[in-house]
Amino acid sequence: MTLAEAFLWPLTLPYGAVTYMRARAYRMGLLRPRRLPGMVISVGNLTAGGTGKTPMVLWIAERLASEGKRAGILTRGYGGASTSAGHTSDEVQLLAARLGNRVELGVGADRWARGSELAQRGVEWFVLDDGFQHLQLARDVDIVLMDATNPFGGGHLIPAGRLREGRRALGRADIIVITRSSHAPAVEAAVRRHSGAPIFYARPQLESVCLLRGEYPGVEDAGARAHRFFAFCGIGNPATFLADAREWNLQIAGHRFFPDHHRYTQRDMNALAEQARAAGAGSLLCTEKDVFNLAGVQSRPIEIRYARICMRLDREEDFWRAVVARAASRKAARA
């Protein structure tokens, strides 16, 4: 335990007590979740920060749409407006850009209210983004993502660590997906102390590197691996972007991290250009989500490219059968 963690550890006690008692109240029926008129698939995690939720939400939404199902995504819309019409957060803009009119979006803190609006428009399948702790809304499938490189957020609850709940909360999970790995026996063993849910593996896969010439979307750059990049991002777990970029065999000369959902300014861009040139890089590289936070940048003194990724699931058909089977089981139990 570091000095900072030791200093913050006493604050985890009231936080842990509140989260435990809240979950227990729902489990005992003292608090009751509200149910939408359709099937709800929740995608969440045990820790704060990025574990790959957005790519997983995209994968599930696209799968539902490909099967002809009327699907919608319910999201809080962190970092932006919280209205169903105002798709202003970076994550929401990314979802809207990727999915177009194939999947409806409901944005706001009250996911039940947003879901009810979508239901009136014919949506029958709901993907609940970052839903593991959103116990106010009933779900048919609870999918929990865990980053193999740091599955328990340092082992401490917020604020000393990144755990949103204690490990025993994994007992609520229907399906667990370990990300950034294809084999993590130590993580599996730790999970098995608290959950018997089926475990799957997934990794972020690079689809393309795109040159941003004007507005989004950019133009695919087939020769991206010949460039030297200076990486920057403002995401929940920025170190993973750097690690992924290197795993994709992209040349990274240096990097700079910003807070999650950071809205970039012209001053930021000028500084990044200077840092890139000093590092011998000819282009900046960011995540696709970061592109939607560049509205405050009026001019680009250096080329910007972004990594377009998707979630690659091992045994993806087995995973999808497990999702559908759990949803059908819950539906039958309610009948």
C-alpha atoms as a PDB file:
ATOM      1  CA  MET A   1       0.000   0.000   0.000  1.00  0.00           C
ATOM      2  CA  THR A   2       1.408   3.376  -1.014  1.00  0.00           C
ATOM      3  CA  LEU A   3       1.403   6.405   1.278  1.00  0.00           C
ATOM      4  CA  ALA A   4      -1.448   7.968  -0.710  1.00  0.00           C
ATOM      5  CA  GLU A   5      -3.494   4.757  -0.502  1.00  0.00           C
ATOM      6  CA  ALA A   6      -2.865   4.532   3.246  1.00  0.00           C
ATOM      7  CA  PHE A   7      -4.009   8.130   3.676  1.00  0.00           C
ATOM      8  CA  LEU A   8      -7.205   7.535   1.683  1.00  0.00           C
ATOM      9  CA  TRP A   9      -7.965   4.057   3.014  1.00  0.00           C
ATOM     10  CA  PRO A  10     -10.123   5.221   5.992  1.00  0.00           C
ATOM     11  CA  LEU A  11     -12.469   6.866   3.476  1.00  0.00           C
ATOM     12  CA  THR A  12     -13.107   3.491   1.857  1.00  0.00           C
ATOM     13  CA  LEU A  13     -14.897   2.264   4.996  1.00  0.00           C
ATOM     14  CA  PRO A  14     -18.016   4.460   4.721  1.00  0.00           C
ATOM     15  CA  TYR A  15     -17.984   4.106   0.931  1.00  0.00           C
ATOM     16  CA  GLY A  16     -17.790   0.318   1.173  1.00  0.00           C
ATOM     17  CA  ALA A  17     -20.498   0.179   3.831  1.00  0.00           C
ATOM     18  CA  VAL A  18     -22.908   2.258   1.744  1.00  0.00           C
ATOM     19  CA  THR A  19     -22.354   0.278  -1.469  1.00  0.00           C
ATOM     20  CA  TYR A  20     -22.674  -3.051   0.358  1.00  0.00           C
ATOM     21  CA  MET A  21     -25.874  -2.078   2.193  1.00  0.00           C
ATOM     22  CA  ARG A  22     -27.389  -0.667  -0.984  1.00  0.00           C
ATOM     23  CA  ALA A  23     -26.733  -3.873  -2.926  1.00  0.00           C
ATOM     24  CA  ARG A  24     -28.025  -5.924   0.000  1.00  0.00           C
ATOM     25  CA  ALA A  25     -31.227  -3.872   0.140  1.00  0.00           C
ATOM     26  CA  TYR A  26     -31.918  -4.674  -3.512  1.00  0.00           C
ATOM     27  CA  ARG A  27     -31.037  -8.334  -2.997  1.00  0.00           C
ATOM     28  CA  MET A  28     -33.449  -8.627  -0.042  1.00  0.00           C
ATOM     29  CA  GLY A  29     -36.250  -6.803  -1.838  1.00  0.00           C
ATOM     30  CA  LEU A  30     -36.201  -3.769   0.455  1.00  0.00           C
ATOM     31  CA  LEU A  31     -35.487  -1.701  -2.641  1.00  0.00           C
ATOM     32  CA  ARG A  32     -37.059  -2.746  -5.915  1.00  0.00           C
ATOM     33  CA  PRO A  33     -35.678  -2.056  -9.385  1.00  0.00           C
ATOM     34  CA  ARG A  34     -37.943  -0.774 -12.118  1.00  0.00           C
ATOM     35  CA  ARG A  35     -38.407  -2.949 -15.183  1.00  0.00           C
ATOM     36  CA  LEU A  36     -38.638  -1.919 -18.807  1.00  0.00           C
ATOM     37  CA  PRO A  37     -41.032  -3.660 -21.239  1.00  0.00           C
ATOM     38  CA  GLY A  38     -38.296  -5.590 -23.014  1.00  0.00           C
ATOM     39  CA  MET A  39     -35.000  -7.407 -22.523  1.00  0.00           C
ATOM     40  CA  VAL A  40     -32.157  -5.558 -20.774  1.00  0.00           C
ATOM     41  CA  ILE A  41     -28.497  -6.538 -21.216  1.00  0.00           C
ATOM     42  CA  SER A  42     -26.240  -4.709 -18.774  1.00  0.00           C
ATOM     43  CA  VAL A  43     -22.545  -4.145 -19.536  1.00  0.00           C
ATOM     44  CA  GLY A  44     -20.492  -2.947 -16.589  1.00  0.00           C
ATOM     45  CA  ASN A  45     -17.440  -3.499 -14.460  1.00  0.00           C
ATOM     46  CA  LEU A  46     -16.199  -3.750 -10.904  1.00  0.00           C
ATOM     47  CA  THR A  47     -13.678  -0.920 -11.179  1.00  0.00           C
ATOM     48  CA  ALA A  48     -13.592   2.721 -12.189  1.00  0.00           C
ATOM     49  CA  GLY A  49     -11.810   3.376 -15.463  1.00  0.00           C
ATOM     50  CA  GLY A  50     -11.713   1.730 -18.836  1.00  0.00           C
ATOM     51  CA  THR A  51     -12.143  -2.017 -19.252  1.00  0.00           C
ATOM     52  CA  GLY A  52     -13.538  -1.927 -22.789  1.00  0.00           C
ATOM     53  CA  LYS A  53     -17.200  -1.229 -22.021  1.00  0.00           C
ATOM     54  CA  THR A  54     -17.842   0.986 -25.046  1.00  0.00           C
ATOM     55  CA  PRO A  55     -16.473  -1.527 -27.611  1.00  0.00           C
ATOM     56  CA  MET A  56     -18.496  -4.266 -25.891  1.00  0.00           C
ATOM     57  CA  VAL A  57     -21.667  -2.167 -25.946  1.00  0.00           C
ATOM     58  CA  LEU A  58     -21.051  -1.538 -29.647  1.00  0.00           C
ATOM     59  CA  TRP A  59     -20.501  -5.240 -30.315  1.00  0.00           C
ATOM     60  CA  ILE A  60     -23.744  -6.247 -28.593  1.00  0.00           C
ATOM     61  CA  ALA A  61     -25.787  -3.457 -30.187  1.00  0.00           C
ATOM     62  CA  GLU A  62     -24.468  -4.313 -33.647  1.00  0.00           C
ATOM     63  CA  ARG A  63     -25.190  -8.004 -33.083  1.00  0.00           C
ATOM     64  CA  LEU A  64     -28.768  -7.269 -32.043  1.00  0.00           C
ATOM     65  CA  ALA A  65     -29.267  -4.980 -35.048  1.00  0.00           C
ATOM     66  CA  SER A  66     -27.794  -7.590 -37.420  1.00  0.00           C
ATOM     67  CA  GLU A  67     -30.401 -10.072 -36.175  1.00  0.00           C
ATOM     68  CA  GLY A  68     -33.186  -7.636 -36.978  1.00  0.00           C
ATOM     69  CA  LYS A  69     -33.981  -6.786 -33.369  1.00  0.00           C
ATOM     70  CA  ARG A  70     -35.181  -3.295 -32.380  1.00  0.00           C
ATOM     71  CA  ALA A  71     -32.332  -2.302 -30.082  1.00  0.00           C
ATOM     72  CA  GLY A  72     -31.469   0.723 -27.991  1.00  0.00           C
ATOM     73  CA  ILE A  73     -28.562   1.795 -25.800  1.00  0.00           C
ATOM     74  CA  LEU A  74     -29.148   3.416 -22.419  1.00  0.00           C
ATOM     75  CA  THR A  75     -26.210   5.505 -21.242  1.00  0.00           C
ATOM     76  CA  ARG A  76     -25.542   8.136 -18.633  1.00  0.00           C
ATOM     77  CA  GLY A  77     -23.588  10.218 -21.134  1.00  0.00           C
ATOM     78  CA  TYR A  78     -20.628  11.058 -18.889  1.00  0.00           C
ATOM     79  CA  GLY A  79     -18.810  14.240 -19.744  1.00  0.00           C
ATOM     80  CA  GLY A  80     -21.668  15.753 -21.720  1.00  0.00           C
ATOM     81  CA  ALA A  81     -25.316  16.640 -21.674  1.00  0.00           C
ATOM     82  CA  SER A  82     -27.708  14.238 -20.012  1.00  0.00           C
ATOM     83  CA  THR A  83     -30.698  14.492 -22.274  1.00  0.00           C
ATOM     84  CA  SER A  84     -32.041  12.032 -24.752  1.00  0.00           C
ATOM     85  CA  ALA A  85     -31.713  14.531 -27.553  1.00  0.00           C
ATOM     86  CA  GLY A  86     -28.350  16.024 -26.708  1.00  0.00           C
ATOM     87  CA  HIS A  87     -25.790  13.524 -27.942  1.00  0.00           C
ATOM     88  CA  THR A  88     -22.918  15.690 -26.760  1.00  0.00           C
ATOM     89  CA  SER A  89     -20.642  13.472 -24.669  1.00  0.00           C
ATOM     90  CA  ASP A  90     -17.703  11.871 -26.445  1.00  0.00           C
ATOM     91  CA  GLU A  91     -18.923   8.329 -25.782  1.00  0.00           C
ATOM     92  CA  VAL A  92     -22.451   9.099 -26.958  1.00  0.00           C
ATOM     93  CA  GLN A  93     -21.194  10.813 -30.107  1.00  0.00           C
ATOM     94  CA  LEU A  94     -19.020   7.789 -30.848  1.00  0.00           C
ATOM     95  CA  LEU A  95     -21.966   5.416 -30.406  1.00  0.00           C
ATOM     96  CA  ALA A  96     -24.166   7.590 -32.619  1.00  0.00           C
ATOM     97  CA  ALA A  97     -21.491   7.858 -35.317  1.00  0.00           C
ATOM     98  CA  ARG A  98     -20.811   4.129 -35.385  1.00  0.00           C
ATOM     99  CA  LEU A  99     -24.404   2.918 -35.225  1.00  0.00           C
ATOM    100  CA  GLY A 100     -26.296   5.573 -37.160  1.00  0.00           C
ATOM    101  CA  ASN A 101     -30.033   4.907 -37.221  1.00  0.00           C
ATOM    102  CA  ARG A 102     -29.672   1.148 -36.731  1.00  0.00           C
ATOM    103  CA  VAL A 103     -29.817   1.480 -32.928  1.00  0.00           C
ATOM    104  CA  GLU A 104     -31.658   4.044 -30.800  1.00  0.00           C
ATOM    105  CA  LEU A 105     -29.877   6.001 -28.059  1.00  0.00           C
ATOM    106  CA  GLY A 106     -31.360   6.999 -24.710  1.00  0.00           C
ATOM    107  CA  VAL A 107     -29.084   9.418 -22.840  1.00  0.00           C
ATOM    108  CA  GLY A 108     -29.580  10.563 -19.261  1.00  0.00           C
ATOM    109  CA  ALA A 109     -29.150   9.760 -15.592  1.00  0.00           C
ATOM    110  CA  ASP A 110     -32.637   8.199 -15.375  1.00  0.00           C
ATOM    111  CA  ARG A 111     -32.115   5.162 -17.569  1.00  0.00           C
ATOM    112  CA  TRP A 112     -35.623   3.857 -16.859  1.00  0.00           C
ATOM    113  CA  ALA A 113     -37.214   7.078 -18.149  1.00  0.00           C
ATOM    114  CA  ARG A 114     -35.011   7.074 -21.248  1.00  0.00           C
ATOM    115  CA  GLY A 115     -35.749   3.395 -21.816  1.00  0.00           C
ATOM    116  CA  SER A 116     -39.481   3.994 -21.501  1.00  0.00           C
ATOM    117  CA  GLU A 117     -39.228   6.636 -24.222  1.00  0.00           C
ATOM    118  CA  LEU A 118     -37.385   4.209 -26.484  1.00  0.00           C
ATOM    119  CA  ALA A 119     -39.951   1.488 -25.758  1.00  0.00           C
ATOM    120  CA  GLN A 120     -42.673   3.818 -27.018  1.00  0.00           C
ATOM    121  CA  ARG A 121     -40.727   4.009 -30.277  1.00  0.00           C
ATOM    122  CA  GLY A 122     -40.671   0.220 -30.596  1.00  0.00           C
ATOM    123  CA  VAL A 123     -37.383  -0.739 -28.944  1.00  0.00           C
ATOM    124  CA  GLU A 124     -37.538  -4.236 -27.413  1.00  0.00           C
ATOM    125  CA  TRP A 125     -33.879  -4.906 -26.537  1.00  0.00           C
ATOM    126  CA  PHE A 126     -31.924  -2.520 -24.326  1.00  0.00           C
ATOM    127  CA  VAL A 127     -28.153  -2.421 -23.799  1.00  0.00           C
ATOM    128  CA  LEU A 128     -27.452  -0.757 -20.451  1.00  0.00           C
ATOM    129  CA  ASP A 129     -24.054   0.944 -20.631  1.00  0.00           C
ATOM    130  CA  ASP A 130     -22.045   0.960 -17.376  1.00  0.00           C
ATOM    131  CA  GLY A 131     -24.941  -0.756 -15.668  1.00  0.00           C
ATOM    132  CA  PHE A 132     -23.475  -3.092 -13.037  1.00  0.00           C
ATOM    133  CA  GLN A 133     -23.944  -0.586 -10.204  1.00  0.00           C
ATOM    134  CA  HIS A 134     -27.142   0.924 -11.665  1.00  0.00           C
ATOM    135  CA  LEU A 135     -29.349  -1.339  -9.576  1.00  0.00           C
ATOM    136  CA  GLN A 136     -32.391   0.901  -9.996  1.00  0.00           C
ATOM    137  CA  LEU A 137     -33.033  -0.758 -13.361  1.00  0.00           C
ATOM    138  CA  ALA A 138     -33.852  -4.469 -13.609  1.00  0.00           C
ATOM    139  CA  ARG A 139     -31.818  -6.451 -16.088  1.00  0.00           C
ATOM    140  CA  ASP A 140     -32.046  -9.867 -17.705  1.00  0.00           C
ATOM    141  CA  VAL A 141     -28.320 -10.333 -18.321  1.00  0.00           C
ATOM    142  CA  ASP A 142     -25.516  -8.852 -16.198  1.00  0.00           C
ATOM    143  CA  ILE A 143     -22.192  -8.841 -18.078  1.00  0.00           C
ATOM    144  CA  VAL A 144     -19.122  -7.766 -16.105  1.00  0.00           C
ATOM    145  CA  LEU A 145     -15.862  -6.821 -17.819  1.00  0.00           C
ATOM    146  CA  MET A 146     -12.531  -7.185 -16.018  1.00  0.00           C
ATOM    147  CA  ASP A 147      -9.175  -5.919 -17.285  1.00  0.00           C
ATOM    148  CA  ALA A 148      -6.688  -8.792 -16.996  1.00  0.00           C
ATOM    149  CA  THR A 149      -3.838  -6.341 -16.369  1.00  0.00           C
ATOM    150  CA  ASN A 150      -5.544  -4.857 -13.287  1.00  0.00           C
ATOM    151  CA  PRO A 151      -8.722  -6.825 -12.540  1.00  0.00           C
ATOM    152  CA  PHE A 152      -9.353  -5.479  -9.040  1.00  0.00           C
ATOM    153  CA  GLY A 153      -8.201  -1.881  -9.361  1.00  0.00           C
ATOM    154  CA  GLY A 154      -5.259  -2.171  -7.006  1.00  0.00           C
ATOM    155  CA  GLY A 155      -7.274  -4.168  -4.483  1.00  0.00           C
ATOM    156  CA  HIS A 156      -8.827  -1.197  -2.681  1.00  0.00           C
ATOM    157  CA  LEU A 157     -12.199   0.494  -2.855  1.00  0.00           C
ATOM    158  CA  ILE A 158     -12.593   4.065  -4.069  1.00  0.00           C
ATOM    159  CA  PRO A 159     -10.926   6.451  -3.217  1.00  0.00           C
ATOM    160  CA  ALA A 160      -7.832   4.465  -2.147  1.00  0.00           C
ATOM    161  CA  GLY A 161      -8.156   2.229  -5.210  1.00  0.00           C
ATOM    162  CA  ARG A 162     -10.401   1.825  -8.226  1.00  0.00           C
ATOM    163  CA  LEU A 163     -12.875  -0.768  -6.933  1.00  0.00           C
ATOM    164  CA  ARG A 164     -16.459   0.465  -7.087  1.00  0.00           C
ATOM    165  CA  GLU A 165     -17.618  -2.529  -5.032  1.00  0.00           C
ATOM    166  CA  GLY A 166     -16.028  -5.376  -3.141  1.00  0.00           C
ATOM    167  CA  ARG A 167     -15.147  -8.588  -4.963  1.00  0.00           C
ATOM    168  CA  ARG A 168     -18.187 -10.406  -3.584  1.00  0.00           C
ATOM    169  CA  ALA A 169     -20.319  -8.282  -5.936  1.00  0.00           C
ATOM    170  CA  LEU A 170     -19.148 -10.594  -8.722  1.00  0.00           C
ATOM    171  CA  GLY A 171     -21.761 -12.995  -7.381  1.00  0.00           C
ATOM    172  CA  ARG A 172     -24.376 -10.878  -9.212  1.00  0.00           C
ATOM    173  CA  ALA A 173     -22.717 -11.379 -12.598  1.00  0.00           C
ATOM    174  CA  ASP A 174     -24.304 -13.687 -15.169  1.00  0.00           C
ATOM    175  CA  ILE A 175     -21.353 -13.565 -17.562  1.00  0.00           C
ATOM    176  CA  ILE A 176     -17.786 -12.366 -16.999  1.00  0.00           C
ATOM    177  CA  VAL A 177     -15.519 -11.156 -19.790  1.00  0.00           C
ATOM    178  CA  ILE A 178     -11.802 -10.814 -19.070  1.00  0.00           C
ATOM    179  CA  THR A 179     -10.396  -8.198 -21.431  1.00  0.00           C
ATOM    180  CA  ARG A 180      -6.871  -7.600 -22.754  1.00  0.00           C
ATOM    181  CA  SER A 181      -6.019 -11.276 -22.547  1.00  0.00           C
ATOM    182  CA  SER A 182      -6.851 -14.660 -24.017  1.00  0.00           C
ATOM    183  CA  HIS A 183      -5.670 -16.657 -21.005  1.00  0.00           C
ATOM    184  CA  ALA A 184      -5.517 -15.388 -17.415  1.00  0.00           C
ATOM    185  CA  PRO A 185      -5.689 -18.352 -14.997  1.00  0.00           C
ATOM    186  CA  ALA A 186      -4.832 -16.236 -11.943  1.00  0.00           C
ATOM    187  CA  VAL A 187      -7.720 -13.869 -12.672  1.00  0.00           C
ATOM    188  CA  GLU A 188     -10.053 -16.806 -13.296  1.00  0.00           C
ATOM    189  CA  ALA A 189      -9.073 -18.344  -9.953  1.00  0.00           C
ATOM    190  CA  ALA A 190      -9.757 -15.062  -8.156  1.00  0.00           C
ATOM    191  CA  VAL A 191     -13.134 -14.737  -9.882  1.00  0.00           C
ATOM    192  CA  ARG A 192     -14.104 -18.296  -8.999  1.00  0.00           C
ATOM    193  CA  ARG A 193     -13.935 -17.467  -5.276  1.00  0.00           C
ATOM    194  CA  HIS A 194     -16.995 -15.278  -5.767  1.00  0.00           C
ATOM    195  CA  SER A 195     -18.765 -16.345  -8.965  1.00  0.00           C
ATOM    196  CA  GLY A 196     -19.621 -19.433 -10.956  1.00  0.00           C
ATOM    197  CA  ALA A 197     -20.588 -17.395 -14.027  1.00  0.00           C
ATOM    198  CA  PRO A 198     -19.188 -18.460 -17.409  1.00  0.00           C
ATOM    199  CA  ILE A 199     -15.952 -16.666 -18.293  1.00  0.00           C
ATOM    200  CA  PHE A 200     -14.996 -15.418 -21.751  1.00  0.00           C
ATOM    201  CA  TYR A 201     -12.035 -13.477 -23.110  1.00  0.00           C
ATOM    202  CA  ALA A 202     -11.828 -10.427 -25.357  1.00  0.00           C
ATOM    203  CA  ARG A 203      -9.197  -8.065 -26.711  1.00  0.00           C
ATOM    204  CA  PRO A 204      -9.346  -4.661 -28.403  1.00  0.00           C
ATOM    205  CA  GLN A 205      -8.571  -5.130 -32.094  1.00  0.00           C
ATOM    206  CA  LEU A 206      -7.306  -2.373 -34.371  1.00  0.00           C
ATOM    207  CA  GLU A 207      -9.608  -2.003 -37.377  1.00  0.00           C
ATOM    208  CA  SER A 208      -7.752   0.912 -38.945  1.00  0.00           C
ATOM    209  CA  VAL A 209      -5.795   4.094 -38.339  1.00  0.00           C
ATOM    210  CA  CYS A 210      -7.592   7.078 -39.853  1.00  0.00           C
ATOM    211  CA  LEU A 211      -6.208  10.475 -40.862  1.00  0.00           C
ATOM    212  CA  LEU A 212      -8.437  13.306 -39.668  1.00  0.00           C
ATOM    213  CA  ARG A 213      -8.508  15.765 -42.567  1.00  0.00           C
ATOM    214  CA  GLY A 214     -11.575  17.752 -41.652  1.00  0.00           C
ATOM    215  CA  GLU A 215     -14.522  16.617 -39.608  1.00  0.00           C
ATOM    216  CA  TYR A 216     -15.078  13.040 -38.439  1.00  0.00           C
ATOM    217  CA  PRO A 217     -14.837  10.467 -39.954  1.00  0.00           C
ATOM    218  CA  GLY A 218     -11.271  10.412 -41.152  1.00  0.00           C
ATOM    219  CA  VAL A 219      -9.669   8.630 -44.089  1.00  0.00           C
ATOM    220  CA  GLU A 220      -8.143   5.208 -43.554  1.00  0.00           C
ATOM    221  CA  ASP A 221      -4.335   5.293 -43.688  1.00  0.00           C
ATOM    222  CA  ALA A 222      -3.043   1.947 -44.945  1.00  0.00           C
ATOM    223  CA  GLY A 223       0.556   3.010 -44.305  1.00  0.00           C
ATOM    224  CA  ALA A 224       0.086   3.960 -40.661  1.00  0.00           C
ATOM    225  CA  ARG A 225       2.786   1.632 -39.384  1.00  0.00           C
ATOM    226  CA  ALA A 226       5.397   3.635 -41.293  1.00  0.00           C
ATOM    227  CA  HIS A 227       4.678   6.748 -39.201  1.00  0.00           C
ATOM    228  CA  ARG A 228       6.184   7.772 -35.889  1.00  0.00           C
ATOM    229  CA  PHE A 229       3.391   8.895 -33.569  1.00  0.00           C
ATOM    230  CA  PHE A 230       3.076  11.025 -30.482  1.00  0.00           C
ATOM    231  CA  ALA A 231       0.123   9.504 -28.632  1.00  0.00           C
ATOM    232  CA  PHE A 232      -2.377  11.459 -26.549  1.00  0.00           C
ATOM    233  CA  CYS A 233      -5.728  10.634 -25.015  1.00  0.00           C
ATOM    234  CA  GLY A 234      -8.244  11.591 -22.348  1.00  0.00           C
ATOM    235  CA  ILE A 235      -9.826   8.287 -21.361  1.00  0.00           C
ATOM    236  CA  GLY A 236     -10.493   6.381 -18.148  1.00  0.00           C
ATOM    237  CA  ASN A 237      -7.424   4.136 -18.341  1.00  0.00           C
ATOM    238  CA  PRO A 238      -4.948   5.903 -20.656  1.00  0.00           C
ATOM    239  CA  ALA A 239      -2.039   3.512 -20.121  1.00  0.00           C
ATOM    240  CA  THR A 240      -4.011   0.795 -21.899  1.00  0.00           C
ATOM    241  CA  PHE A 241      -4.178   2.883 -25.081  1.00  0.00           C
ATOM    242  CA  LEU A 242      -0.412   3.187 -25.088  1.00  0.00           C
ATOM    243  CA  ALA A 243       0.029  -0.544 -24.472  1.00  0.00           C
ATOM    244  CA  ASP A 244      -2.500  -1.415 -27.183  1.00  0.00           C
ATOM    245  CA  ALA A 245      -0.855   0.902 -29.731  1.00  0.00           C
ATOM    246  CA  ARG A 246       2.482  -0.800 -29.195  1.00  0.00           C
ATOM    247  CA  GLU A 247       0.890  -4.234 -29.390  1.00  0.00           C
ATOM    248  CA  TRP A 248      -0.576  -3.187 -32.749  1.00  0.00           C
ATOM    249  CA  ASN A 249       3.016  -2.468 -33.881  1.00  0.00           C
ATOM    250  CA  LEU A 250       2.506   1.279 -34.145  1.00  0.00           C
ATOM    251  CA  GLN A 251       5.633   3.376 -33.576  1.00  0.00           C
ATOM    252  CA  ILE A 252       5.098   5.525 -30.472  1.00  0.00           C
ATOM    253  CA  ALA A 253       7.780   8.172 -29.912  1.00  0.00           C
ATOM    254  CA  GLY A 254       6.164   9.726 -26.840  1.00  0.00           C
ATOM    255  CA  HIS A 255       2.851  10.376 -25.150  1.00  0.00           C
ATOM    256  CA  ARG A 256       0.781  12.742 -23.024  1.00  0.00           C
ATOM    257  CA  PHE A 257      -2.301  11.848 -21.020  1.00  0.00           C
ATOM    258  CA  PHE A 258      -5.229  14.125 -20.189  1.00  0.00           C
ATOM    259  CA  PRO A 259      -8.155  13.674 -17.754  1.00  0.00           C
ATOM    260  CA  ASP A 260     -11.063  11.513 -18.880  1.00  0.00           C
ATOM    261  CA  HIS A 261     -13.427  13.354 -21.277  1.00  0.00           C
ATOM    262  CA  HIS A 262     -10.946  16.244 -21.621  1.00  0.00           C
ATOM    263  CA  ARG A 263     -12.091  18.936 -24.059  1.00  0.00           C
ATOM    264  CA  TYR A 264      -8.993  19.931 -26.009  1.00  0.00           C
ATOM    265  CA  THR A 265      -8.093  23.563 -26.599  1.00  0.00           C
ATOM    266  CA  GLN A 266      -5.946  25.224 -29.228  1.00  0.00           C
ATOM    267  CA  ARG A 267      -3.299  25.666 -26.560  1.00  0.00           C
ATOM    268  CA  ASP A 268      -3.338  21.905 -25.892  1.00  0.00           C
ATOM    269  CA  MET A 269      -2.936  21.189 -29.606  1.00  0.00           C
ATOM    270  CA  ASN A 270      -0.063  23.627 -30.037  1.00  0.00           C
ATOM    271  CA  ALA A 271       1.725  22.072 -27.061  1.00  0.00           C
ATOM    272  CA  LEU A 272       1.142  18.557 -28.398  1.00  0.00           C
ATOM    273  CA  ALA A 273       2.558  19.549 -31.780  1.00  0.00           C
ATOM    274  CA  GLU A 274       5.696  20.915 -30.126  1.00  0.00           C
ATOM    275  CA  GLN A 275       6.103  17.790 -27.992  1.00  0.00           C
ATOM    276  CA  ALA A 276       5.592  15.561 -31.026  1.00  0.00           C
ATOM    277  CA  ARG A 277       8.239  17.329 -33.080  1.00  0.00           C
ATOM    278  CA  ALA A 278      10.665  17.272 -30.156  1.00  0.00           C
ATOM    279  CA  ALA A 279      10.149  13.497 -29.934  1.00  0.00           C
ATOM    280  CA  GLY A 280      10.707  13.037 -33.659  1.00  0.00           C
ATOM    281  CA  ALA A 281       7.068  12.214 -34.423  1.00  0.00           C
ATOM    282  CA  GLY A 282       5.350  13.392 -37.580  1.00  0.00           C
ATOM    283  CA  SER A 283       1.774  12.796 -36.462  1.00  0.00           C
ATOM    284  CA  LEU A 284      -0.380  12.691 -33.367  1.00  0.00           C
ATOM    285  CA  LEU A 285      -2.366   9.561 -32.516  1.00  0.00           C
ATOM    286  CA  CYS A 286      -5.463   9.470 -30.308  1.00  0.00           C
ATOM    287  CA  THR A 287      -8.470   7.256 -29.654  1.00  0.00           C
ATOM    288  CA  GLU A 288     -11.614   7.541 -31.741  1.00  0.00           C
ATOM    289  CA  LYS A 289     -13.415   8.886 -28.683  1.00  0.00           C
ATOM    290  CA  ASP A 290     -10.925  11.764 -28.361  1.00  0.00           C
ATOM    291  CA  VAL A 291     -11.836  13.016 -31.834  1.00  0.00           C
ATOM    292  CA  PHE A 292     -15.191  14.185 -30.492  1.00  0.00           C
ATOM    293  CA  ASN A 293     -13.432  16.404 -27.946  1.00  0.00           C
ATOM    294  CA  LEU A 294     -11.485  18.398 -30.549  1.00  0.00           C
ATOM    295  CA  ALA A 295     -14.230  20.941 -31.266  1.00  0.00           C
ATOM    296  CA  GLY A 296     -12.257  23.645 -29.442  1.00  0.00           C
ATOM    297  CA  VAL A 297      -9.272  23.218 -31.770  1.00  0.00           C
ATOM    298  CA  GLN A 298      -9.476  25.752 -34.606  1.00  0.00           C
ATOM    299  CA  SER A 299      -6.277  24.820 -36.436  1.00  0.00           C
ATOM    300  CA  ARG A 300      -4.096  21.734 -36.510  1.00  0.00           C
ATOM    301  CA  PRO A 301      -0.370  22.469 -36.607  1.00  0.00           C
ATOM    302  CA  ILE A 302       0.340  18.760 -37.062  1.00  0.00           C
ATOM    303  CA  GLU A 303      -1.492  15.806 -38.589  1.00  0.00           C
ATOM    304  CA  ILE A 304      -3.883  13.902 -36.316  1.00  0.00           C
ATOM    305  CA  ARG A 305      -4.720  10.243 -36.735  1.00  0.00           C
ATOM    306  CA  TYR A 306      -6.985   8.118 -34.581  1.00  0.00           C
ATOM    307  CA  ALA A 307      -7.244   4.413 -33.891  1.00  0.00           C
ATOM    308  CA  ARG A 308     -10.555   2.831 -34.822  1.00  0.00           C
ATOM    309  CA  ILE A 309     -11.015  -0.338 -32.793  1.00  0.00           C
ATOM    310  CA  CYS A 310     -13.504  -3.119 -32.190  1.00  0.00           C
ATOM    311  CA  MET A 311     -13.875  -5.832 -29.578  1.00  0.00           C
ATOM    312  CA  ARG A 312     -12.590  -9.249 -30.633  1.00  0.00           C
ATOM    313  CA  LEU A 313     -14.245 -11.953 -28.563  1.00  0.00           C
ATOM    314  CA  ASP A 314     -12.782 -15.411 -28.237  1.00  0.00           C
ATOM    315  CA  ARG A 315     -15.558 -17.991 -28.737  1.00  0.00           C
ATOM    316  CA  GLU A 316     -17.909 -15.205 -29.730  1.00  0.00           C
ATOM    317  CA  GLU A 317     -20.723 -17.532 -30.792  1.00  0.00           C
ATOM    318  CA  ASP A 318     -20.558 -19.339 -27.443  1.00  0.00           C
ATOM    319  CA  PHE A 319     -20.633 -15.949 -25.733  1.00  0.00           C
ATOM    320  CA  TRP A 320     -23.692 -14.851 -27.670  1.00  0.00           C
ATOM    321  CA  ARG A 321     -25.489 -18.127 -27.017  1.00  0.00           C
ATOM    322  CA  ALA A 322     -24.831 -17.614 -23.286  1.00  0.00           C
ATOM    323  CA  VAL A 323     -26.294 -14.098 -23.466  1.00  0.00           C
ATOM    324  CA  VAL A 324     -29.407 -15.221 -25.337  1.00  0.00           C
ATOM    325  CA  ALA A 325     -29.896 -18.253 -23.082  1.00  0.00           C
ATOM    326  CA  ARG A 326     -29.695 -16.147 -19.920  1.00  0.00           C
ATOM    327  CA  ALA A 327     -32.151 -13.623 -21.344  1.00  0.00           C
ATOM    328  CA  ALA A 328     -34.579 -16.405 -22.318  1.00  0.00           C
ATOM    329  CA  SER A 329     -34.263 -17.992 -18.874  1.00  0.00           C
ATOM    330  CA  ARG A 330     -35.078 -14.729 -17.121  1.00  0.00           C
ATOM    331  CA  LYS A 331     -38.009 -14.100 -19.447  1.00  0.00           C
ATOM    332  CA  ALA A 332     -39.404 -17.583 -18.760  1.00  0.00           C
ATOM    333  CA  ALA A 333     -39.042 -17.054 -15.008  1.00  0.00           C
ATOM    334  CA  ARG A 334     -41.162 -13.895 -15.240  1.00  0.00           C
ATOM    335  CA  ALA A 335     -43.912 -15.571 -17.280  1.00  0.00           C
END
